[in-house]
Amino acid sequence: MRPSVRRPTLPLALALVLAGAAACRSTPAEEPSEKSAAPKTAEQKAAESRARANKARVHISLGDLRVADPHPGAPPREAVSGPGTELAGDALTAACGAGAIPLPRDKHYAAPGLVACWVGHADGNLRQLAFAPDGDLFGAAASGVIYRFRDADRDGAFAAGAPETIVWADSGGNGNSVHIDATGGYLYASTPDGVRRWRWAPDIDRGGPGEAVIVEQPSGGGHGKHTNHLFEGFLYVQLGSAGNAANPMSPEYDTERSLVKRFDMTKLDPVNPYHWAQGEVFTVGLRNTVGFWRAAPRDACTAWSTASTTSPGVARTCNDNPGEQLVLLEKGKRYGYPFCTTAQRLVGDDGSLVPTGTQVKAEIFPSPHDDAWCAANSERPVTFFQAHSAPLDITFFDGPEGKLPARWKGGAFVSFHGSWDRNPYTGYKVVWVPFDAEGRAPMPVSTATETRFPYEVVLGGGTWKEHADGPWSWEVGKVGENPVRPVGVAVSPLDGSLYVASDAGNMVYRVVKAE
């Protein structure tokens, strides 16, 4: 039986803040959203999506694929699954389903005993994912298109076109997250100037125009995404910093950007949506809280999020500092940006190693604060990841069991979009982070020359034998993605398998135990 988790004594938002670490120069960790002087037509959006797909060498029809050997280089069939051994080809096919394509085992890494399968495709830079209770999978694209994926014929994949892959709604742009409030009967998604919602039910095949919930939210600058989730009647909405590392005009934390606000949806006036300025400031000092989620059955007011910190400057070894934070968000807490960063592997002026996770002064611009101020005024993360990993989403594995290792239950899956400014590259993978019954995650351990991280790689580059960090791609016949850049992660409520979205070729993957 899974141990119970101690409930906090005060309402919390447990947030895993996922976002790319800043570069050593003032450039954004993620490319800014494309801006347009006028709204694009559906035809223009479709043409741009096709161009992106062709550039990524993606062919979207699983049903048209004919490949003699989907598992090149695999050992003989009698091979046994498990650590250090290959999985037989029939085990891969059985696990993925007749309609899906197992990724070639010499082109990628999946944790021992697991299979990674290509199961679907979308357009428009597919970002985060969300499951409905009935098993329908929804995905938000940066273009604003909201897709619904439904495995109607139960062959393990989402065929192109209706009824399995459809455009369910369109938010108009700046898409990143999608949230389904099954109790209230709504689907929420971000828009260029806030948040919109649509009536949702399993039998609704088109969301229609929807209605505005939040308006006048900024979307400019390098971090203009509007990730939002509804927990216990409150809509939590994040907004990242305007730049990579904006020099503050004040010694106080910003209360306009680099934060999470919340809105009481029980008081929403359907005729007059909330203005961004009306939101309650929940937490501050968060450079870009792109991904956050709540772990059930923990306290009803808890959620987890991921966030990045600003670069501490060349003087503090920017290749490995600052660490990408995973933080516990609580109302009224401050998380450092832009004044403070998280030490990953930092040697002090006296030659000693600064303890991992310590909040220290950022040195990318003149600051009115020092290390002592940061220690007292910036929350220490629960744990952190390799600098420049660019984590973008998180979800907890609370069941159902059967399709993933049972020991992973209670932990969190985190997507690493991958670095663009680090040598060598890092990220481009999905990892599992352990949590104990008290909601604590282990800290990395650093020496003067290396850092060991306590997570496990679930999906990434390499081969079936071992994981290799950095960019990776795969190709089977005329189908493939180059590179794979994970963004969305979601666990199926039907069988507990893990789904991953990549926004390079707009692929959807499923990770599951071999049959």
Protein backbone atom coordinates (compact mmCIF):
# COMPACT_ATOMS: atom_id res chain seq x y z
CA MET A 1 0.00 0.00 0.00
CA ARG A 2 1.28 3.45 -0.87
CA PRO A 3 2.18 5.45 2.24
CA SER A 4 -0.04 8.42 2.97
CA VAL A 5 1.31 11.90 2.43
CA ARG A 6 1.24 14.38 5.29
CA ARG A 7 -1.13 17.21 4.56
CA PRO A 8 0.21 20.73 4.94
CA THR A 9 -1.23 22.85 7.71
CA LEU A 10 -1.83 25.84 5.40
CA PRO A 11 -3.22 26.08 1.84
CA LEU A 12 -0.36 25.56 -0.60
CA ALA A 13 0.37 25.51 -4.26
CA LEU A 14 3.09 22.90 -4.71
CA ALA A 15 4.69 24.02 -7.93
CA LEU A 16 7.35 22.31 -10.00
CA VAL A 17 8.73 25.26 -11.86
CA LEU A 18 10.00 24.14 -15.26
CA ALA A 19 11.71 26.51 -17.63
CA GLY A 20 14.97 26.80 -19.50
CA ALA A 21 17.99 28.28 -17.74
CA ALA A 22 19.15 31.56 -19.19
CA ALA A 23 22.22 31.79 -21.34
CA CYS A 24 25.32 33.67 -20.25
CA ARG A 25 24.29 36.38 -22.63
CA SER A 26 21.01 38.26 -22.74
CA THR A 27 19.12 36.02 -25.13
CA PRO A 28 15.98 34.03 -24.38
CA ALA A 29 16.16 30.39 -23.34
CA GLU A 30 13.28 29.61 -25.66
CA GLU A 31 12.72 31.34 -28.96
CA PRO A 32 10.15 34.13 -28.51
CA SER A 33 6.68 33.53 -29.88
CA GLU A 34 6.30 34.74 -33.44
CA LYS A 35 4.46 38.06 -33.56
CA SER A 36 2.11 39.10 -36.32
CA ALA A 37 0.64 42.45 -37.18
CA ALA A 38 -2.66 40.86 -38.15
CA PRO A 39 -4.44 37.59 -37.23
CA LYS A 40 -3.52 34.74 -39.52
CA THR A 41 -6.14 32.92 -41.54
CA ALA A 42 -6.74 29.20 -41.16
CA GLU A 43 -5.12 28.70 -44.58
CA GLN A 44 -1.98 30.60 -43.51
CA LYS A 45 -1.73 28.57 -40.29
CA ALA A 46 -2.12 25.32 -42.22
CA ALA A 47 0.58 26.31 -44.73
CA GLU A 48 3.02 27.22 -41.96
CA SER A 49 2.31 23.94 -40.17
CA ARG A 50 2.99 21.94 -43.32
CA ALA A 51 6.27 23.77 -43.84
CA ARG A 52 7.38 23.03 -40.28
CA ALA A 53 6.45 19.37 -40.66
CA ASN A 54 8.41 19.04 -43.90
CA LYS A 55 11.43 20.72 -42.34
CA ALA A 56 11.31 18.19 -39.49
CA ARG A 57 11.09 15.27 -41.97
CA VAL A 58 7.75 14.14 -40.60
CA HIS A 59 5.20 12.07 -42.51
CA ILE A 60 1.99 12.12 -40.54
CA SER A 61 0.17 9.02 -41.75
CA LEU A 62 0.87 6.00 -39.58
CA GLY A 63 -1.52 3.90 -41.63
CA ASP A 64 0.43 4.41 -44.88
CA LEU A 65 3.70 3.25 -43.37
CA ARG A 66 5.06 -0.06 -44.63
CA VAL A 67 8.37 -1.13 -43.11
CA ALA A 68 9.82 -4.64 -43.35
CA ASP A 69 11.84 -4.42 -40.15
CA PRO A 70 10.68 -1.83 -37.57
CA HIS A 71 13.44 -2.84 -35.16
CA PRO A 72 16.76 -2.60 -37.05
CA GLY A 73 19.70 -4.13 -35.26
CA ALA A 74 17.58 -6.01 -32.72
CA PRO A 75 18.94 -9.28 -31.27
CA PRO A 76 17.18 -12.61 -31.94
CA ARG A 77 13.58 -13.09 -30.77
CA GLU A 78 14.54 -15.19 -27.79
CA ALA A 79 16.09 -12.15 -26.10
CA VAL A 80 14.68 -11.42 -22.64
CA SER A 81 13.47 -7.98 -21.57
CA GLY A 82 15.10 -6.34 -18.60
CA PRO A 83 18.13 -4.26 -17.62
CA GLY A 84 21.02 -4.77 -19.99
CA THR A 85 19.05 -6.88 -22.49
CA GLU A 86 17.18 -6.12 -25.69
CA LEU A 87 13.44 -6.51 -26.09
CA ALA A 88 12.17 -8.90 -28.73
CA GLY A 89 10.47 -7.34 -31.75
CA ASP A 90 7.11 -8.96 -31.05
CA ALA A 91 7.17 -7.58 -27.49
CA LEU A 92 7.63 -4.06 -28.87
CA THR A 93 4.80 -4.45 -31.36
CA ALA A 94 2.45 -5.97 -28.81
CA ALA A 95 3.12 -3.17 -26.32
CA CYS A 96 2.68 -0.36 -28.84
CA GLY A 97 -0.39 -1.71 -30.61
CA ALA A 98 -1.01 -2.51 -34.26
CA GLY A 99 -1.40 1.12 -35.30
CA ALA A 100 1.66 2.55 -33.54
CA ILE A 101 5.33 2.50 -34.55
CA PRO A 102 7.95 1.33 -32.00
CA LEU A 103 10.96 3.62 -32.10
CA PRO A 104 14.11 1.81 -33.34
CA ARG A 105 16.08 0.59 -30.34
CA ASP A 106 19.40 1.70 -31.81
CA LYS A 107 18.16 5.28 -32.20
CA HIS A 108 16.85 6.10 -28.72
CA TYR A 109 16.87 5.10 -25.07
CA ALA A 110 13.90 3.97 -22.98
CA ALA A 111 14.22 2.84 -19.36
CA PRO A 112 14.77 -0.94 -18.98
CA GLY A 113 11.69 -2.99 -19.82
CA LEU A 114 9.88 -0.05 -21.44
CA VAL A 115 8.93 0.65 -25.05
CA ALA A 116 8.61 4.05 -26.72
CA CYS A 117 6.04 4.26 -29.53
CA TRP A 118 5.08 6.94 -32.02
CA VAL A 119 1.29 7.20 -31.75
CA GLY A 120 0.18 10.49 -33.29
CA HIS A 121 0.94 13.79 -34.95
CA ALA A 122 -0.33 17.37 -34.97
CA ASP A 123 0.67 20.71 -36.48
CA GLY A 124 1.59 24.11 -35.12
CA ASN A 125 4.33 23.31 -32.55
CA LEU A 126 2.55 20.91 -30.19
CA ARG A 127 3.20 21.83 -26.56
CA GLN A 128 1.51 20.50 -23.42
CA LEU A 129 -0.99 17.63 -23.07
CA ALA A 130 -4.00 16.86 -20.87
CA PHE A 131 -6.22 13.80 -20.51
CA ALA A 132 -9.98 13.85 -20.10
CA PRO A 133 -11.41 11.25 -17.67
CA ASP A 134 -12.69 9.16 -20.59
CA GLY A 135 -9.19 8.79 -22.06
CA ASP A 136 -9.37 11.45 -24.76
CA LEU A 137 -6.05 13.27 -25.04
CA PHE A 138 -5.96 17.01 -25.70
CA GLY A 139 -2.92 18.94 -26.89
CA ALA A 140 -2.26 22.67 -27.18
CA ALA A 141 -0.16 23.94 -30.07
CA ALA A 142 1.76 27.20 -30.00
CA SER A 143 -0.31 28.26 -33.02
CA GLY A 144 -3.37 28.28 -30.74
CA VAL A 145 -4.93 25.13 -32.19
CA ILE A 146 -6.28 22.67 -29.61
CA TYR A 147 -6.26 19.06 -30.78
CA ARG A 148 -8.27 16.12 -29.52
CA PHE A 149 -6.76 12.65 -29.93
CA ARG A 150 -9.09 9.66 -29.58
CA ASP A 151 -8.09 6.03 -30.21
CA ALA A 152 -11.48 5.08 -31.60
CA ASP A 153 -10.41 1.73 -33.06
CA ARG A 154 -8.20 0.87 -30.05
CA ASP A 155 -5.15 0.06 -32.15
CA GLY A 156 -2.80 2.02 -29.89
CA ALA A 157 -2.45 5.10 -32.13
CA PHE A 158 -4.26 8.23 -33.26
CA ALA A 159 -4.86 8.10 -37.01
CA ALA A 160 -4.73 11.36 -38.97
CA GLY A 161 -8.13 13.01 -39.44
CA ALA A 162 -11.53 12.46 -37.85
CA PRO A 163 -12.54 10.82 -35.65
CA GLU A 164 -9.13 10.16 -34.10
CA THR A 165 -7.25 13.45 -34.62
CA ILE A 166 -9.37 16.58 -34.86
CA VAL A 167 -9.03 20.32 -34.36
CA TRP A 168 -11.28 20.78 -31.34
CA ALA A 169 -10.87 24.56 -30.89
CA ASP A 170 -8.56 27.49 -31.65
CA SER A 171 -7.45 30.04 -29.07
CA GLY A 172 -6.02 32.43 -31.66
CA GLY A 173 -2.35 31.94 -30.82
CA ASN A 174 0.18 31.82 -27.98
CA GLY A 175 -0.90 28.31 -27.06
CA ASN A 176 0.97 26.32 -24.44
CA SER A 177 -1.29 24.53 -21.95
CA VAL A 178 -4.71 22.93 -21.95
CA HIS A 179 -6.65 22.10 -18.78
CA ILE A 180 -9.85 20.05 -18.54
CA ASP A 181 -12.17 20.79 -15.63
CA ALA A 182 -14.35 17.70 -15.86
CA THR A 183 -16.42 18.67 -12.82
CA GLY A 184 -17.33 22.09 -14.16
CA GLY A 185 -17.51 20.93 -17.77
CA TYR A 186 -14.93 23.31 -19.26
CA LEU A 187 -11.65 23.20 -21.15
CA TYR A 188 -9.23 26.08 -20.44
CA ALA A 189 -6.39 27.25 -22.69
CA SER A 190 -4.14 30.26 -23.11
CA THR A 191 -4.67 33.03 -25.66
CA PRO A 192 -2.51 35.94 -26.85
CA ASP A 193 -3.99 38.20 -24.16
CA GLY A 194 -5.06 35.82 -21.38
CA VAL A 195 -7.16 32.68 -20.95
CA ARG A 196 -10.26 31.35 -22.69
CA ARG A 197 -12.58 28.45 -21.90
CA TRP A 198 -14.92 26.21 -23.87
CA ARG A 199 -17.76 23.93 -22.84
CA TRP A 200 -16.39 20.39 -22.64
CA ALA A 201 -18.06 16.98 -22.56
CA PRO A 202 -17.08 13.64 -24.12
CA ASP A 203 -19.66 14.06 -26.88
CA ILE A 204 -18.66 17.61 -27.86
CA ASP A 205 -16.56 17.39 -31.04
CA ARG A 206 -16.07 21.12 -31.58
CA GLY A 207 -15.49 23.68 -28.86
CA GLY A 208 -16.77 26.62 -30.88
CA PRO A 209 -15.77 30.20 -30.06
CA GLY A 210 -15.65 29.75 -26.29
CA GLU A 211 -15.59 32.65 -23.86
CA ALA A 212 -12.90 34.90 -22.43
CA VAL A 213 -11.94 34.28 -18.80
CA ILE A 214 -8.89 36.56 -18.44
CA VAL A 215 -7.95 39.45 -20.73
CA GLU A 216 -5.21 42.08 -20.99
CA GLN A 217 -2.45 39.68 -19.93
CA PRO A 218 0.89 40.62 -21.53
CA SER A 219 2.39 38.16 -24.01
CA GLY A 220 5.39 40.10 -25.28
CA GLY A 221 9.05 39.54 -24.53
CA GLY A 222 10.97 36.30 -24.41
CA HIS A 223 8.65 34.54 -21.96
CA GLY A 224 5.07 35.31 -22.89
CA LYS A 225 3.35 31.93 -22.37
CA HIS A 226 0.20 31.76 -20.22
CA THR A 227 0.19 28.29 -18.66
CA ASN A 228 -2.95 27.86 -16.56
CA HIS A 229 -4.55 25.19 -14.39
CA LEU A 230 -7.71 25.11 -12.29
CA PHE A 231 -7.44 23.74 -8.74
CA GLU A 232 -10.29 23.88 -6.21
CA GLY A 233 -12.11 26.77 -7.82
CA PHE A 234 -9.01 28.93 -8.45
CA LEU A 235 -7.46 29.40 -11.87
CA TYR A 236 -3.67 29.65 -11.48
CA VAL A 237 -1.97 31.50 -14.35
CA GLN A 238 1.73 32.17 -14.85
CA LEU A 239 3.57 34.87 -16.72
CA GLY A 240 7.33 34.78 -17.32
CA SER A 241 9.83 37.60 -17.43
CA ALA A 242 9.91 40.02 -20.35
CA GLY A 243 13.56 39.22 -21.06
CA ASN A 244 16.22 36.63 -20.40
CA ALA A 245 17.51 38.50 -17.38
CA ALA A 246 15.82 41.85 -16.99
CA ASN A 247 17.75 44.37 -14.90
CA PRO A 248 15.26 45.30 -12.16
CA MET A 249 14.40 48.97 -11.75
CA SER A 250 13.66 48.33 -8.09
CA PRO A 251 15.26 46.24 -5.32
CA GLU A 252 11.80 44.71 -4.73
CA TYR A 253 10.32 41.69 -6.48
CA ASP A 254 8.28 42.39 -9.61
CA THR A 255 4.51 42.02 -9.10
CA GLU A 256 3.59 42.42 -12.78
CA ARG A 257 5.60 39.61 -14.40
CA SER A 258 7.80 36.67 -13.35
CA LEU A 259 5.03 35.33 -11.13
CA VAL A 260 1.90 33.23 -10.70
CA LYS A 261 -1.48 34.85 -10.16
CA ARG A 262 -4.75 33.19 -9.27
CA PHE A 263 -8.37 34.05 -10.00
CA ASP A 264 -11.47 32.93 -8.06
CA MET A 265 -13.62 31.29 -10.72
CA THR A 266 -16.63 31.07 -8.39
CA LYS A 267 -16.87 34.86 -8.73
CA LEU A 268 -16.39 35.05 -12.50
CA ASP A 269 -18.87 37.29 -14.31
CA PRO A 270 -19.51 35.60 -17.68
CA VAL A 271 -20.20 38.98 -19.25
CA ASN A 272 -17.14 40.75 -17.85
CA PRO A 273 -14.01 38.54 -17.76
CA TYR A 274 -11.21 39.16 -15.29
CA HIS A 275 -8.52 41.63 -16.27
CA TRP A 276 -4.96 40.46 -15.60
CA ALA A 277 -4.45 43.27 -13.10
CA GLN A 278 -7.34 41.91 -10.99
CA GLY A 279 -5.57 38.64 -10.24
CA GLU A 280 -4.25 37.86 -6.77
CA VAL A 281 -0.44 37.69 -6.73
CA PHE A 282 0.25 34.17 -5.51
CA THR A 283 4.03 33.85 -5.81
CA VAL A 284 6.81 36.04 -7.22
CA GLY A 285 10.44 35.70 -8.31
CA LEU A 286 9.79 33.01 -10.95
CA ARG A 287 11.59 33.62 -14.22
CA ASN A 288 9.31 31.37 -16.27
CA THR A 289 6.97 28.88 -14.62
CA VAL A 290 6.03 27.16 -17.85
CA GLY A 291 4.93 23.84 -16.32
CA PHE A 292 3.11 23.17 -13.07
CA TRP A 293 0.75 20.53 -11.74
CA ARG A 294 -0.78 19.14 -8.57
CA ALA A 295 -0.12 15.73 -7.08
CA ALA A 296 -3.16 13.76 -5.96
CA PRO A 297 -4.24 12.59 -3.46
CA ARG A 298 -2.16 15.18 -1.68
CA ASP A 299 -3.81 18.21 -0.14
CA ALA A 300 -6.56 19.69 -2.30
CA CYS A 301 -4.77 23.03 -2.48
CA THR A 302 -1.41 21.67 -3.59
CA ALA A 303 0.22 21.78 -7.01
CA TRP A 304 3.76 21.31 -8.34
CA SER A 305 5.57 23.48 -10.86
CA THR A 306 8.94 23.92 -12.58
CA ALA A 307 10.81 27.21 -13.16
CA SER A 308 14.11 28.55 -14.38
CA THR A 309 16.43 31.06 -12.82
CA THR A 310 18.52 33.72 -14.46
CA SER A 311 22.13 33.05 -15.36
CA PRO A 312 24.60 34.01 -12.64
CA GLY A 313 27.12 35.28 -15.17
CA VAL A 314 30.37 33.96 -16.57
CA ALA A 315 32.16 34.46 -13.27
CA ARG A 316 30.08 31.67 -11.77
CA THR A 317 30.53 28.99 -14.42
CA CYS A 318 27.42 29.41 -16.54
CA ASN A 319 27.78 26.02 -18.26
CA ASP A 320 26.70 24.33 -15.01
CA ASN A 321 25.00 27.14 -13.11
CA PRO A 322 22.34 27.98 -12.15
CA GLY A 323 20.43 24.76 -11.59
CA GLU A 324 16.94 24.51 -13.09
CA GLN A 325 14.62 24.71 -10.10
CA LEU A 326 11.87 22.40 -9.02
CA VAL A 327 10.11 24.35 -6.31
CA LEU A 328 7.27 24.02 -3.84
CA LEU A 329 5.08 27.05 -4.47
CA GLU A 330 3.33 28.53 -1.47
CA LYS A 331 1.22 31.64 -1.27
CA GLY A 332 3.32 34.71 -0.59
CA LYS A 333 6.69 33.02 -1.13
CA ARG A 334 9.55 34.50 -3.20
CA TYR A 335 11.79 32.44 -5.47
CA GLY A 336 14.76 34.62 -6.35
CA TYR A 337 14.42 35.95 -9.88
CA PRO A 338 16.09 38.19 -10.97
CA PHE A 339 18.26 38.75 -7.92
CA CYS A 340 19.20 35.20 -6.92
CA THR A 341 20.03 31.85 -8.52
CA THR A 342 20.45 28.23 -7.41
CA ALA A 343 23.99 26.93 -7.01
CA GLN A 344 24.55 23.66 -8.87
CA ARG A 345 28.32 23.33 -8.79
CA LEU A 346 29.76 26.58 -7.52
CA VAL A 347 33.17 27.13 -5.95
CA GLY A 348 33.31 29.99 -3.46
CA ASP A 349 35.94 32.70 -3.25
CA ASP A 350 37.78 30.68 -0.59
CA GLY A 351 37.95 27.61 -2.84
CA SER A 352 35.22 25.68 -1.00
CA LEU A 353 32.18 24.20 -2.75
CA VAL A 354 28.92 26.06 -2.13
CA PRO A 355 26.29 23.53 -0.91
CA THR A 356 24.03 22.45 -3.78
CA GLY A 357 20.70 24.21 -3.84
CA THR A 358 21.99 27.30 -2.03
CA GLN A 359 20.43 30.56 -3.19
CA VAL A 360 23.19 32.97 -4.21
CA LYS A 361 23.43 36.41 -5.75
CA ALA A 362 23.04 36.62 -9.53
CA GLU A 363 25.91 38.43 -11.21
CA ILE A 364 24.53 39.13 -14.65
CA PHE A 365 23.83 42.78 -13.74
CA PRO A 366 24.60 45.08 -10.79
CA SER A 367 22.36 44.09 -7.88
CA PRO A 368 21.50 45.80 -4.62
CA HIS A 369 21.54 42.40 -2.89
CA ASP A 370 24.16 39.88 -1.81
CA ASP A 371 24.36 36.16 -1.01
CA ALA A 372 23.13 36.72 2.54
CA TRP A 373 20.05 38.55 1.27
CA CYS A 374 19.34 35.75 -1.19
CA ALA A 375 19.61 33.12 1.54
CA ALA A 376 17.02 35.01 3.59
CA ASN A 377 14.69 36.20 0.81
CA SER A 378 14.70 33.45 -1.82
CA GLU A 379 13.15 30.02 -1.26
CA ARG A 380 15.44 27.04 -1.67
CA PRO A 381 14.17 24.62 -4.33
CA VAL A 382 12.93 21.14 -3.49
CA THR A 383 15.54 19.89 -5.96
CA PHE A 384 17.02 21.04 -9.26
CA PHE A 385 18.20 19.84 -12.66
CA GLN A 386 21.22 20.33 -14.90
CA ALA A 387 21.59 23.95 -15.98
CA HIS A 388 20.19 24.66 -19.47
CA SER A 389 18.03 21.51 -19.53
CA ALA A 390 14.97 23.73 -20.28
CA PRO A 391 12.31 21.71 -18.40
CA LEU A 392 8.87 22.61 -19.74
CA ASP A 393 6.25 20.37 -18.14
CA ILE A 394 5.57 18.07 -15.20
CA THR A 395 3.01 15.49 -14.18
CA PHE A 396 2.79 13.12 -11.23
CA PHE A 397 2.35 9.38 -11.52
CA ASP A 398 -0.42 8.47 -9.10
CA GLY A 399 -1.82 5.57 -11.09
CA PRO A 400 -3.41 3.57 -12.45
CA GLU A 401 -0.73 0.89 -12.21
CA GLY A 402 0.25 -1.74 -14.73
CA LYS A 403 1.81 0.03 -17.70
CA LEU A 404 4.75 1.64 -15.86
CA PRO A 405 7.03 0.43 -13.06
CA ALA A 406 5.07 0.37 -9.78
CA ARG A 407 8.01 1.88 -7.90
CA TRP A 408 7.57 5.10 -9.89
CA LYS A 409 4.22 5.77 -8.27
CA GLY A 410 4.22 9.00 -6.28
CA GLY A 411 7.07 10.48 -8.31
CA ALA A 412 6.97 13.03 -11.11
CA PHE A 413 7.74 12.95 -14.82
CA VAL A 414 9.51 16.07 -16.09
CA SER A 415 10.23 16.97 -19.72
CA PHE A 416 13.56 18.55 -20.73
CA HIS A 417 13.22 20.48 -23.98
CA GLY A 418 17.02 20.63 -24.27
CA SER A 419 19.77 23.23 -24.38
CA TRP A 420 20.77 25.39 -27.32
CA ASP A 421 23.65 27.34 -25.74
CA ARG A 422 25.58 24.77 -23.70
CA ASN A 423 28.67 22.77 -24.66
CA PRO A 424 28.10 19.87 -24.52
CA TYR A 425 24.34 19.86 -25.06
CA THR A 426 22.07 18.62 -22.30
CA GLY A 427 18.40 17.66 -21.98
CA TYR A 428 16.20 16.42 -24.85
CA LYS A 429 14.65 13.80 -22.60
CA VAL A 430 11.98 12.90 -20.05
CA VAL A 431 13.01 11.98 -16.51
CA TRP A 432 11.35 10.55 -13.41
CA VAL A 433 11.93 12.38 -10.11
CA PRO A 434 11.42 10.44 -6.85
CA PHE A 435 9.37 11.92 -4.00
CA ASP A 436 8.98 10.50 -0.51
CA ALA A 437 5.80 10.31 1.57
CA GLU A 438 6.44 13.81 2.93
CA GLY A 439 6.65 15.36 -0.53
CA ARG A 440 10.44 15.70 -0.50
CA ALA A 441 12.74 15.02 -3.44
CA PRO A 442 16.48 14.27 -3.12
CA MET A 443 18.99 16.99 -3.95
CA PRO A 444 21.76 16.46 -6.52
CA VAL A 445 25.25 15.81 -5.14
CA SER A 446 28.13 17.91 -6.45
CA THR A 447 31.89 17.73 -6.18
CA ALA A 448 34.33 20.28 -7.57
CA THR A 449 34.25 18.48 -10.94
CA GLU A 450 30.84 16.85 -11.39
CA THR A 451 27.20 16.75 -10.31
CA ARG A 452 25.16 13.57 -9.88
CA PHE A 453 21.41 13.97 -10.31
CA PRO A 454 18.94 11.66 -8.53
CA TYR A 455 16.41 11.36 -11.35
CA GLU A 456 16.03 8.42 -13.75
CA VAL A 457 15.89 8.88 -17.53
CA VAL A 458 12.62 7.55 -18.95
CA LEU A 459 13.01 8.52 -22.61
CA GLY A 460 15.93 10.11 -24.45
CA GLY A 461 18.81 9.72 -26.84
CA GLY A 462 21.16 6.76 -26.97
CA THR A 463 20.34 3.09 -27.54
CA TRP A 464 18.50 0.39 -25.64
CA LYS A 465 21.76 -0.25 -23.76
CA GLU A 466 22.36 3.19 -22.27
CA HIS A 467 21.27 6.80 -22.26
CA ALA A 468 23.20 9.51 -24.13
CA ASP A 469 22.52 13.14 -23.26
CA GLY A 470 21.81 15.80 -25.88
CA PRO A 471 19.96 15.99 -29.24
CA TRP A 472 18.69 12.82 -30.87
CA SER A 473 16.46 11.77 -33.74
CA TRP A 474 14.94 8.63 -35.20
CA GLU A 475 13.74 7.42 -38.55
CA VAL A 476 11.83 4.32 -39.67
CA GLY A 477 11.32 4.15 -43.40
CA LYS A 478 9.95 7.56 -44.40
CA VAL A 479 8.84 8.47 -40.90
CA GLY A 480 10.83 10.20 -38.19
CA GLU A 481 11.55 13.31 -36.17
CA ASN A 482 14.74 15.33 -36.07
CA PRO A 483 15.34 16.29 -33.34
CA VAL A 484 12.99 15.06 -30.60
CA ARG A 485 12.32 17.95 -28.19
CA PRO A 486 9.94 16.87 -25.37
CA VAL A 487 7.44 19.39 -24.02
CA GLY A 488 4.17 17.89 -22.79
CA VAL A 489 3.90 14.93 -20.41
CA ALA A 490 0.64 13.28 -19.30
CA VAL A 491 -0.38 9.97 -17.73
CA SER A 492 -3.39 8.11 -19.12
CA PRO A 493 -6.24 7.74 -16.60
CA LEU A 494 -7.24 4.49 -18.32
CA ASP A 495 -4.08 2.39 -18.15
CA GLY A 496 -1.36 4.58 -16.57
CA SER A 497 0.90 4.79 -19.63
CA LEU A 498 2.99 7.92 -20.21
CA TYR A 499 2.38 10.21 -23.19
CA VAL A 500 4.96 12.74 -24.41
CA ALA A 501 4.62 15.57 -26.94
CA SER A 502 7.54 16.96 -28.95
CA ASP A 503 7.23 20.37 -30.61
CA ALA A 504 10.00 19.93 -33.19
CA GLY A 505 8.03 17.54 -35.43
CA ASN A 506 4.78 17.75 -33.42
CA MET A 507 4.87 14.07 -32.53
CA VAL A 508 3.00 12.27 -29.74
CA TYR A 509 4.77 9.34 -28.09
CA ARG A 510 3.61 6.65 -25.67
CA VAL A 511 5.95 5.00 -23.14
CA VAL A 512 4.78 1.71 -21.73
CA LYS A 513 5.98 -1.65 -20.39
CA ALA A 514 6.83 -4.31 -22.95
CA GLU A 515 4.24 -7.06 -23.21
